[in-house]
Amino acid sequence: MGNSDLQAAKRAKNDEFYTQYHDIEEEMNAYLEYDPNVFRGKTVLLPCDDPEWSNFTRYFAAKFDELGLKKLISTSYAPESKRYRFGGLFSELERSSPQFDADKSKTHGKIFVLDSDVTGDGRVNIDDLQWDYLEGDGDFRSDEVTALRDEADIIVTNPPFSLFREFLAWIVAANKQFLIIGNINAITYKETFPLIKDNKIWLGATNFNRGMYFLVPEGFKYANSYKFEKELDGKAVNRVPGVCWFTNIDHGRRHEPLSLMTMEDNLRYSKHKEIRGRTEYQHYDNYDAIEVPYTDAIPSDYEGVMGVPITFLDKYCPEQFEILGITKTWFGGASKLYPEQIQVSADGKERRVSKLNDGATLQHHTVPANETYYIVGNAYFTQVYARVLIRHLMQLD
């Protein structure tokens, strides 16, 4: 999600984005190609999932026998606890079921369980899904949903973006395998990055640079800057750039090393104007590392520390690189702290700030043109976006 869209969603609590079937299938296929038995004999929990119409439920129910699942559990959130409503696949089933209770349907979450051939047709699929009301509203933090977490082997869902930190901590506390969707900026969270650094979680197989279209509820408010499709196959959608899967389940793509040029070749032939023609890579003023603004500009023969964009993690191979840190204040590692600075915006407006200490900086000998810069004493600085600090583990030809 672009920053403006993400902030708008947070302000409105408008973060109920529902994943399309083909995006789920494409991601799951990557894990199945690496390990065909990854789901076999496992109990899969789909929390925050609105099983009445969820594509996560549809996918795992349709593939129950093929994947060799032991049990599928989905839970939904009570309608009156939500800002937006959907119609869905099971709403008619709910109303026609003997356990239907109009009052409970408003205030209680629901649980859907699939674990046997109820219809007797010789296969386990969505027709065998059984449901009942939860005791509470279905919040994943409740005791009853937490008990389902403890029962499960694998947790798969698209949690509300505004609750990503809490949801990830909830999973990690139980030491469960998982596949969840989040915004790329979650990489920089202090609750997320240390797990990535320690190789306890990583990004999924889908390239997040392409963006994803999510189904959105009736009444969804689009950002004023939104320029993409609002409807696909007759359904309301919202395109969210910079979305990725976070997981601790292995897939083959993360073990594919990058093919890179030497530093000399990058400086001579790089397609990026920020690199080509320079005599050397820029070195940060407050971190002992060089600035590498693009993943494909990582020099293959540099043995020191490099600062790379967070999008590098989409290509990160743990056999090729070591992750050392991130250029955020909460992580530490900066070699100096700056006193209060004068920030000069691109339009020339000045104000006193202390922003330089939350990121890597580059010093300039002349006033930077057409960008925001900072004055400390008689020196000029610019600040780059959050950078992941890495180092080569081995040299690749």
Protein backbone atom coordinates (compact mmCIF):
# COMPACT_ATOMS: atom_id res chain seq x y z
CA MET A 1 0.00 0.00 0.00
CA GLY A 2 1.36 3.44 -0.82
CA ASN A 3 2.03 5.55 2.25
CA SER A 4 -0.89 7.90 1.54
CA ASP A 5 -3.29 5.00 1.06
CA LEU A 6 -2.01 3.23 4.18
CA GLN A 7 -2.35 6.32 6.35
CA ALA A 8 -5.85 6.96 5.01
CA ALA A 9 -6.79 3.38 5.84
CA LYS A 10 -5.47 3.70 9.37
CA ARG A 11 -7.35 6.93 9.97
CA ALA A 12 -10.62 5.38 8.82
CA LYS A 13 -9.92 1.90 10.19
CA ASN A 14 -10.51 1.11 6.54
CA ASP A 15 -8.11 -1.81 6.44
CA GLU A 16 -10.36 -4.72 5.59
CA PHE A 17 -8.75 -5.90 2.37
CA TYR A 18 -9.68 -9.38 1.18
CA THR A 19 -7.27 -11.47 -0.86
CA GLN A 20 -8.10 -12.83 -4.31
CA TYR A 21 -8.07 -16.58 -4.92
CA HIS A 22 -5.39 -16.59 -7.62
CA ASP A 23 -2.97 -14.62 -5.42
CA ILE A 24 -3.39 -17.17 -2.63
CA GLU A 25 -2.95 -20.10 -5.01
CA GLU A 26 0.16 -18.62 -6.62
CA GLU A 27 1.84 -18.10 -3.26
CA MET A 28 0.92 -21.53 -1.89
CA ASN A 29 2.23 -23.19 -5.05
CA ALA A 30 5.72 -21.85 -4.31
CA TYR A 31 5.84 -23.73 -1.00
CA LEU A 32 4.34 -26.87 -2.52
CA GLU A 33 6.96 -26.85 -5.29
CA TYR A 34 9.70 -26.68 -2.66
CA ASP A 35 8.06 -29.25 -0.36
CA PRO A 36 4.98 -31.09 -1.70
CA ASN A 37 4.18 -32.28 1.84
CA VAL A 38 4.35 -28.89 3.52
CA PHE A 39 0.64 -29.01 4.50
CA ARG A 40 0.24 -32.78 4.80
CA GLY A 41 -1.16 -33.93 8.13
CA LYS A 42 -1.35 -30.34 9.37
CA THR A 43 -4.09 -28.31 11.04
CA VAL A 44 -4.41 -24.95 9.29
CA LEU A 45 -5.99 -21.97 11.06
CA LEU A 46 -7.40 -19.02 9.11
CA PRO A 47 -8.13 -16.28 11.67
CA CYS A 48 -9.38 -12.76 10.80
CA ASP A 49 -10.86 -14.50 7.82
CA ASP A 50 -14.62 -13.94 7.41
CA PRO A 51 -15.25 -17.53 6.29
CA GLU A 52 -18.66 -16.54 4.92
CA TRP A 53 -16.92 -15.59 1.71
CA SER A 54 -13.16 -15.80 2.27
CA ASN A 55 -10.92 -16.95 -0.55
CA PHE A 56 -8.51 -18.43 1.99
CA THR A 57 -11.30 -20.72 3.15
CA ARG A 58 -12.28 -21.48 -0.43
CA TYR A 59 -8.71 -22.38 -1.40
CA PHE A 60 -7.92 -24.69 1.51
CA ALA A 61 -11.36 -26.30 1.45
CA ALA A 62 -11.09 -27.01 -2.29
CA LYS A 63 -7.56 -28.40 -1.86
CA PHE A 64 -8.18 -30.26 1.43
CA ASP A 65 -7.62 -33.78 0.04
CA GLU A 66 -4.92 -32.74 -2.41
CA LEU A 67 -2.89 -31.02 0.30
CA GLY A 68 -3.47 -33.85 2.76
CA LEU A 69 -4.77 -31.55 5.48
CA LYS A 70 -5.74 -32.94 8.85
CA LYS A 71 -8.08 -30.09 9.76
CA LEU A 72 -9.08 -26.62 8.55
CA ILE A 73 -10.36 -23.99 10.99
CA SER A 74 -11.60 -20.53 10.00
CA THR A 75 -12.83 -17.81 12.33
CA SER A 76 -14.70 -14.59 11.63
CA TYR A 77 -15.20 -11.33 13.47
CA ALA A 78 -18.65 -10.28 14.71
CA PRO A 79 -20.38 -7.95 12.21
CA GLU A 80 -21.20 -5.32 14.82
CA SER A 81 -17.52 -5.15 15.75
CA LYS A 82 -16.65 -4.22 12.16
CA ARG A 83 -16.89 -0.97 10.28
CA TYR A 84 -17.77 -2.55 6.93
CA ARG A 85 -20.03 -5.39 5.84
CA PHE A 86 -20.01 -7.88 3.00
CA GLY A 87 -22.53 -10.27 1.68
CA GLY A 88 -20.98 -13.67 1.21
CA LEU A 89 -20.92 -17.31 0.32
CA PHE A 90 -22.34 -18.65 3.59
CA SER A 91 -24.80 -15.95 4.65
CA GLU A 92 -27.71 -17.91 3.13
CA LEU A 93 -26.37 -21.11 4.73
CA GLU A 94 -26.27 -19.37 8.08
CA ARG A 95 -29.85 -18.16 7.87
CA SER A 96 -31.11 -21.59 6.86
CA SER A 97 -29.19 -23.49 9.56
CA PRO A 98 -30.97 -24.74 12.69
CA GLN A 99 -28.42 -23.01 14.96
CA PHE A 100 -29.07 -19.60 13.35
CA ASP A 101 -29.62 -16.88 15.95
CA ALA A 102 -30.24 -13.36 14.63
CA ASP A 103 -28.90 -11.69 17.77
CA LYS A 104 -25.78 -13.86 18.01
CA SER A 105 -25.08 -13.27 14.32
CA LYS A 106 -24.58 -9.59 15.08
CA THR A 107 -22.39 -9.85 18.16
CA HIS A 108 -20.61 -13.20 17.98
CA GLY A 109 -17.87 -14.35 15.68
CA LYS A 110 -18.20 -17.71 13.95
CA ILE A 111 -16.00 -20.76 13.64
CA PHE A 112 -15.93 -23.01 10.57
CA VAL A 113 -14.33 -26.45 10.77
CA LEU A 114 -13.52 -28.92 8.00
CA ASP A 115 -12.06 -32.29 8.97
CA SER A 116 -14.24 -35.09 7.55
CA ASP A 117 -16.54 -36.19 4.72
CA VAL A 118 -19.87 -35.09 6.21
CA THR A 119 -21.85 -35.44 2.98
CA GLY A 120 -20.60 -38.97 2.28
CA ASP A 121 -19.60 -38.24 -1.32
CA GLY A 122 -16.11 -39.71 -0.86
CA ARG A 123 -14.20 -36.45 -0.63
CA VAL A 124 -13.64 -33.64 1.85
CA ASN A 125 -14.41 -30.21 0.43
CA ILE A 126 -16.31 -27.01 1.10
CA ASP A 127 -19.65 -28.86 1.20
CA ASP A 128 -18.47 -30.55 4.41
CA LEU A 129 -17.71 -27.32 6.25
CA GLN A 130 -19.45 -27.14 9.63
CA TRP A 131 -20.02 -23.89 11.52
CA ASP A 132 -21.10 -22.57 14.89
CA TYR A 133 -20.96 -19.36 16.88
CA LEU A 134 -17.95 -18.45 18.96
CA GLU A 135 -18.48 -17.44 22.56
CA GLY A 136 -17.04 -13.99 21.85
CA ASP A 137 -16.69 -11.61 18.91
CA GLY A 138 -13.89 -13.56 17.20
CA ASP A 139 -11.02 -11.17 17.96
CA PHE A 140 -7.77 -13.09 17.44
CA ARG A 141 -6.56 -11.87 20.84
CA SER A 142 -9.43 -13.58 22.67
CA ASP A 143 -8.79 -16.69 24.76
CA GLU A 144 -10.89 -18.92 22.50
CA VAL A 145 -9.17 -17.91 19.26
CA THR A 146 -5.80 -18.11 21.01
CA ALA A 147 -6.68 -21.69 21.97
CA LEU A 148 -7.31 -22.41 18.28
CA ARG A 149 -3.92 -20.88 17.50
CA ASP A 150 -2.33 -23.28 19.95
CA GLU A 151 -4.10 -26.22 18.29
CA ALA A 152 -2.98 -25.25 14.78
CA ASP A 153 0.25 -26.14 13.00
CA ILE A 154 0.12 -23.40 10.35
CA ILE A 155 -1.60 -20.00 10.39
CA VAL A 156 -2.52 -18.32 7.10
CA THR A 157 -4.37 -15.02 6.68
CA ASN A 158 -4.41 -11.38 5.65
CA PRO A 159 -4.68 -9.62 9.03
CA PRO A 160 -5.89 -6.02 9.30
CA PHE A 161 -2.91 -3.83 8.36
CA SER A 162 -3.46 -1.64 11.42
CA LEU A 163 -3.03 -4.68 13.69
CA PHE A 164 -0.03 -6.25 11.93
CA ARG A 165 2.40 -5.74 14.82
CA GLU A 166 0.06 -7.33 17.34
CA PHE A 167 -0.88 -10.17 15.03
CA LEU A 168 2.72 -11.10 14.25
CA ALA A 169 3.62 -11.06 17.95
CA TRP A 170 0.57 -13.26 18.65
CA ILE A 171 1.82 -15.87 16.18
CA VAL A 172 5.49 -15.72 17.17
CA ALA A 173 4.61 -16.17 20.85
CA ALA A 174 3.20 -19.60 19.98
CA ASN A 175 6.13 -20.61 17.75
CA LYS A 176 3.83 -21.50 14.84
CA GLN A 177 4.50 -21.72 11.13
CA PHE A 178 2.67 -19.00 9.24
CA LEU A 179 1.95 -17.18 5.99
CA ILE A 180 0.53 -13.69 6.42
CA ILE A 181 0.18 -10.62 4.22
CA GLY A 182 1.49 -7.22 5.27
CA ASN A 183 2.74 -3.92 3.96
CA ILE A 184 6.38 -3.65 2.93
CA ASN A 185 6.90 -0.93 5.53
CA ALA A 186 6.32 -3.55 8.24
CA ILE A 187 9.90 -4.65 7.49
CA THR A 188 11.12 -1.56 9.36
CA TYR A 189 9.03 -2.20 12.50
CA LYS A 190 11.02 -2.98 15.63
CA GLU A 191 8.65 -5.93 16.15
CA THR A 192 9.48 -7.34 12.69
CA PHE A 193 13.01 -6.53 11.59
CA PRO A 194 14.92 -8.34 14.37
CA LEU A 195 13.11 -11.54 13.35
CA ILE A 196 14.17 -10.99 9.73
CA LYS A 197 17.75 -10.24 10.77
CA ASP A 198 17.93 -13.45 12.79
CA ASN A 199 16.50 -15.47 9.89
CA LYS A 200 13.43 -16.43 11.92
CA ILE A 201 11.04 -14.97 9.35
CA TRP A 202 11.45 -13.88 5.74
CA LEU A 203 9.47 -12.66 2.77
CA GLY A 204 7.30 -14.94 0.70
CA ALA A 205 7.64 -15.92 -2.94
CA THR A 206 5.38 -13.35 -4.62
CA ASN A 207 7.18 -10.29 -5.96
CA PHE A 208 5.55 -7.43 -4.09
CA ASN A 209 6.72 -4.80 -6.60
CA ARG A 210 3.80 -5.71 -8.85
CA GLY A 211 1.17 -4.77 -6.26
CA MET A 212 -1.96 -6.77 -5.44
CA TYR A 213 -5.65 -6.16 -6.01
CA PHE A 214 -7.76 -6.82 -2.92
CA LEU A 215 -11.51 -7.15 -2.68
CA VAL A 216 -12.96 -4.32 -0.62
CA PRO A 217 -16.31 -3.91 1.16
CA GLU A 218 -19.24 -1.79 0.10
CA GLY A 219 -18.67 1.81 1.07
CA PHE A 220 -14.88 1.56 0.84
CA LYS A 221 -13.28 5.02 0.58
CA TYR A 222 -10.57 5.31 -2.07
CA ALA A 223 -7.68 7.70 -1.58
CA ASN A 224 -7.89 10.82 -3.75
CA SER A 225 -4.64 9.76 -5.43
CA TYR A 226 -5.99 6.31 -6.44
CA LYS A 227 -5.57 5.75 -10.22
CA PHE A 228 -6.12 2.01 -10.71
CA GLU A 229 -9.01 -0.33 -11.40
CA LYS A 230 -11.89 -0.15 -8.93
CA GLU A 231 -13.72 -3.21 -10.24
CA LEU A 232 -12.58 -6.62 -11.51
CA ASP A 233 -14.98 -9.39 -12.53
CA GLY A 234 -17.87 -7.37 -11.16
CA LYS A 235 -16.30 -7.02 -7.69
CA ALA A 236 -14.99 -3.87 -6.00
CA VAL A 237 -11.20 -3.93 -5.67
CA ASN A 238 -8.37 -1.73 -4.46
CA ARG A 239 -4.82 -2.05 -5.80
CA VAL A 240 -2.26 -1.97 -3.01
CA PRO A 241 1.39 -1.54 -4.03
CA GLY A 242 4.21 -2.64 -1.78
CA VAL A 243 2.42 -5.65 -0.29
CA CYS A 244 4.25 -8.84 0.57
CA TRP A 245 3.89 -12.16 2.33
CA PHE A 246 5.74 -12.71 5.60
CA THR A 247 6.51 -16.31 6.51
CA ASN A 248 8.76 -18.78 8.28
CA ILE A 249 8.01 -21.57 5.80
CA ASP A 250 10.79 -22.22 3.31
CA HIS A 251 10.49 -21.75 -0.44
CA GLY A 252 13.02 -22.14 -3.23
CA ARG A 253 13.11 -18.55 -4.41
CA ARG A 254 14.87 -17.32 -1.27
CA HIS A 255 17.84 -19.60 -2.02
CA GLU A 256 18.49 -18.17 -5.50
CA PRO A 257 21.62 -15.95 -5.34
CA LEU A 258 21.68 -12.61 -7.11
CA SER A 259 23.84 -12.21 -10.20
CA LEU A 260 25.80 -8.99 -9.66
CA MET A 261 28.47 -6.85 -11.30
CA THR A 262 31.73 -5.81 -9.69
CA MET A 263 32.05 -2.34 -8.23
CA GLU A 264 34.20 -1.25 -11.17
CA ASP A 265 31.64 -2.48 -13.69
CA ASN A 266 28.78 -0.85 -11.80
CA LEU A 267 30.56 2.49 -11.83
CA ARG A 268 31.16 2.16 -15.58
CA TYR A 269 28.03 0.44 -16.88
CA SER A 270 25.20 0.69 -14.35
CA LYS A 271 21.82 1.63 -15.82
CA HIS A 272 21.30 3.93 -12.83
CA LYS A 273 22.49 7.51 -13.22
CA GLU A 274 23.16 7.72 -9.48
CA ILE A 275 25.89 5.08 -9.93
CA ARG A 276 27.19 5.25 -13.51
CA GLY A 277 30.04 7.69 -14.02
CA ARG A 278 30.93 8.13 -10.36
CA THR A 279 34.44 7.42 -9.14
CA GLU A 280 33.17 5.60 -6.05
CA TYR A 281 30.05 4.69 -4.09
CA GLN A 282 28.96 7.29 -1.54
CA HIS A 283 29.72 6.57 2.11
CA TYR A 284 27.27 7.48 4.86
CA ASP A 285 28.25 10.21 7.29
CA ASN A 286 26.72 8.46 10.31
CA TYR A 287 27.09 4.75 9.46
CA ASP A 288 30.20 2.85 8.40
CA ALA A 289 28.66 1.66 5.15
CA ILE A 290 28.31 2.63 1.52
CA GLU A 291 25.03 3.70 -0.04
CA VAL A 292 23.64 1.24 -2.61
CA PRO A 293 20.35 2.77 -3.81
CA TYR A 294 19.32 -0.22 -5.97
CA THR A 295 19.50 -3.95 -5.35
CA ASP A 296 20.95 -4.65 -8.80
CA ALA A 297 23.74 -2.15 -8.05
CA ILE A 298 25.16 -4.18 -5.15
CA PRO A 299 28.84 -4.68 -6.03
CA SER A 300 29.80 -8.35 -6.06
CA ASP A 301 33.34 -7.74 -4.83
CA TYR A 302 32.82 -5.26 -1.99
CA GLU A 303 33.70 -6.80 1.37
CA GLY A 304 32.44 -4.03 3.64
CA VAL A 305 28.99 -3.07 4.90
CA MET A 306 26.40 -1.84 2.41
CA GLY A 307 23.10 -0.01 2.92
CA VAL A 308 20.43 -1.30 0.55
CA PRO A 309 16.69 -0.52 0.11
CA ILE A 310 14.24 -2.60 2.12
CA THR A 311 13.02 -3.99 -1.22
CA PHE A 312 16.30 -5.94 -1.28
CA LEU A 313 14.67 -8.44 1.05
CA ASP A 314 12.52 -9.59 -1.85
CA LYS A 315 15.76 -10.91 -3.40
CA TYR A 316 17.62 -11.82 -0.22
CA CYS A 317 19.49 -15.12 -0.30
CA PRO A 318 20.70 -16.14 3.20
CA GLU A 319 23.57 -18.14 1.70
CA GLN A 320 24.83 -15.04 -0.13
CA PHE A 321 24.39 -12.18 2.36
CA GLU A 322 24.42 -11.49 6.07
CA ILE A 323 21.90 -8.99 7.43
CA LEU A 324 23.59 -6.77 10.02
CA GLY A 325 21.03 -4.12 10.89
CA ILE A 326 18.75 -1.33 9.73
CA THR A 327 19.21 2.44 9.73
CA LYS A 328 16.51 3.21 12.28
CA THR A 329 17.05 4.93 15.63
CA TRP A 330 15.45 2.11 17.61
CA PHE A 331 18.01 -0.39 16.24
CA GLY A 332 21.10 1.66 17.07
CA GLY A 333 24.38 1.43 15.19
CA ALA A 334 24.81 5.04 14.12
CA SER A 335 28.32 6.40 14.60
CA LYS A 336 27.18 9.88 15.57
CA LEU A 337 24.21 11.94 16.72
CA TYR A 338 23.41 15.29 15.15
CA PRO A 339 22.33 18.37 17.06
CA GLU A 340 19.16 20.14 15.98
CA GLN A 341 19.15 20.80 12.26
CA ILE A 342 17.62 23.28 9.85
CA GLN A 343 15.48 21.41 7.33
CA VAL A 344 15.18 23.11 3.95
CA SER A 345 12.40 21.69 1.78
CA ALA A 346 12.51 21.60 -2.00
CA ASP A 347 10.42 24.79 -2.12
CA GLY A 348 12.89 26.59 0.16
CA LYS A 349 10.88 26.55 3.40
CA GLU A 350 12.99 26.21 6.56
CA ARG A 351 12.26 24.76 9.99
CA ARG A 352 14.20 23.36 12.92
CA VAL A 353 14.02 19.55 13.28
CA SER A 354 15.90 16.53 14.64
CA LYS A 355 15.08 14.07 11.85
CA LEU A 356 18.65 13.29 10.75
CA ASN A 357 19.16 10.89 13.63
CA ASP A 358 16.52 8.46 12.32
CA GLY A 359 18.27 7.23 9.20
CA ALA A 360 21.46 7.19 7.16
CA THR A 361 22.78 10.50 5.90
CA LEU A 362 24.96 11.66 3.04
CA GLN A 363 27.09 14.82 3.29
CA HIS A 364 27.25 17.23 0.35
CA HIS A 365 29.89 19.82 -0.47
CA THR A 366 27.36 22.09 -2.17
CA VAL A 367 23.67 22.83 -1.57
CA PRO A 368 21.61 19.86 -2.89
CA ALA A 369 19.23 20.85 -5.67
CA ASN A 370 15.53 19.97 -5.97
CA GLU A 371 15.33 17.92 -2.78
CA THR A 372 14.95 18.35 0.94
CA TYR A 373 18.26 18.85 2.74
CA TYR A 374 19.49 19.65 6.23
CA ILE A 375 22.00 22.15 7.56
CA VAL A 376 24.17 21.26 10.56
CA GLY A 377 26.66 24.00 11.29
CA ASN A 378 28.12 24.82 7.90
CA ALA A 379 27.56 21.35 6.41
CA TYR A 380 24.79 20.11 4.11
CA PHE A 381 23.17 16.67 4.41
CA THR A 382 20.44 14.60 2.82
CA GLN A 383 18.78 11.58 4.36
CA VAL A 384 18.04 8.36 2.47
CA TYR A 385 15.06 6.09 3.07
CA ALA A 386 15.43 3.25 5.57
CA ARG A 387 18.30 1.00 4.55
CA VAL A 388 19.04 -2.61 5.45
CA LEU A 389 22.72 -3.05 6.31
CA ILE A 390 24.21 -6.15 4.71
CA ARG A 391 27.53 -7.80 3.93
CA HIS A 392 28.56 -10.56 1.53
CA LEU A 393 28.96 -14.01 3.02
CA MET A 394 30.74 -15.32 -0.02
CA GLN A 395 32.04 -14.13 -3.32
CA LEU A 396 30.11 -15.34 -6.34
CA ASP A 397 31.53 -15.45 -9.84
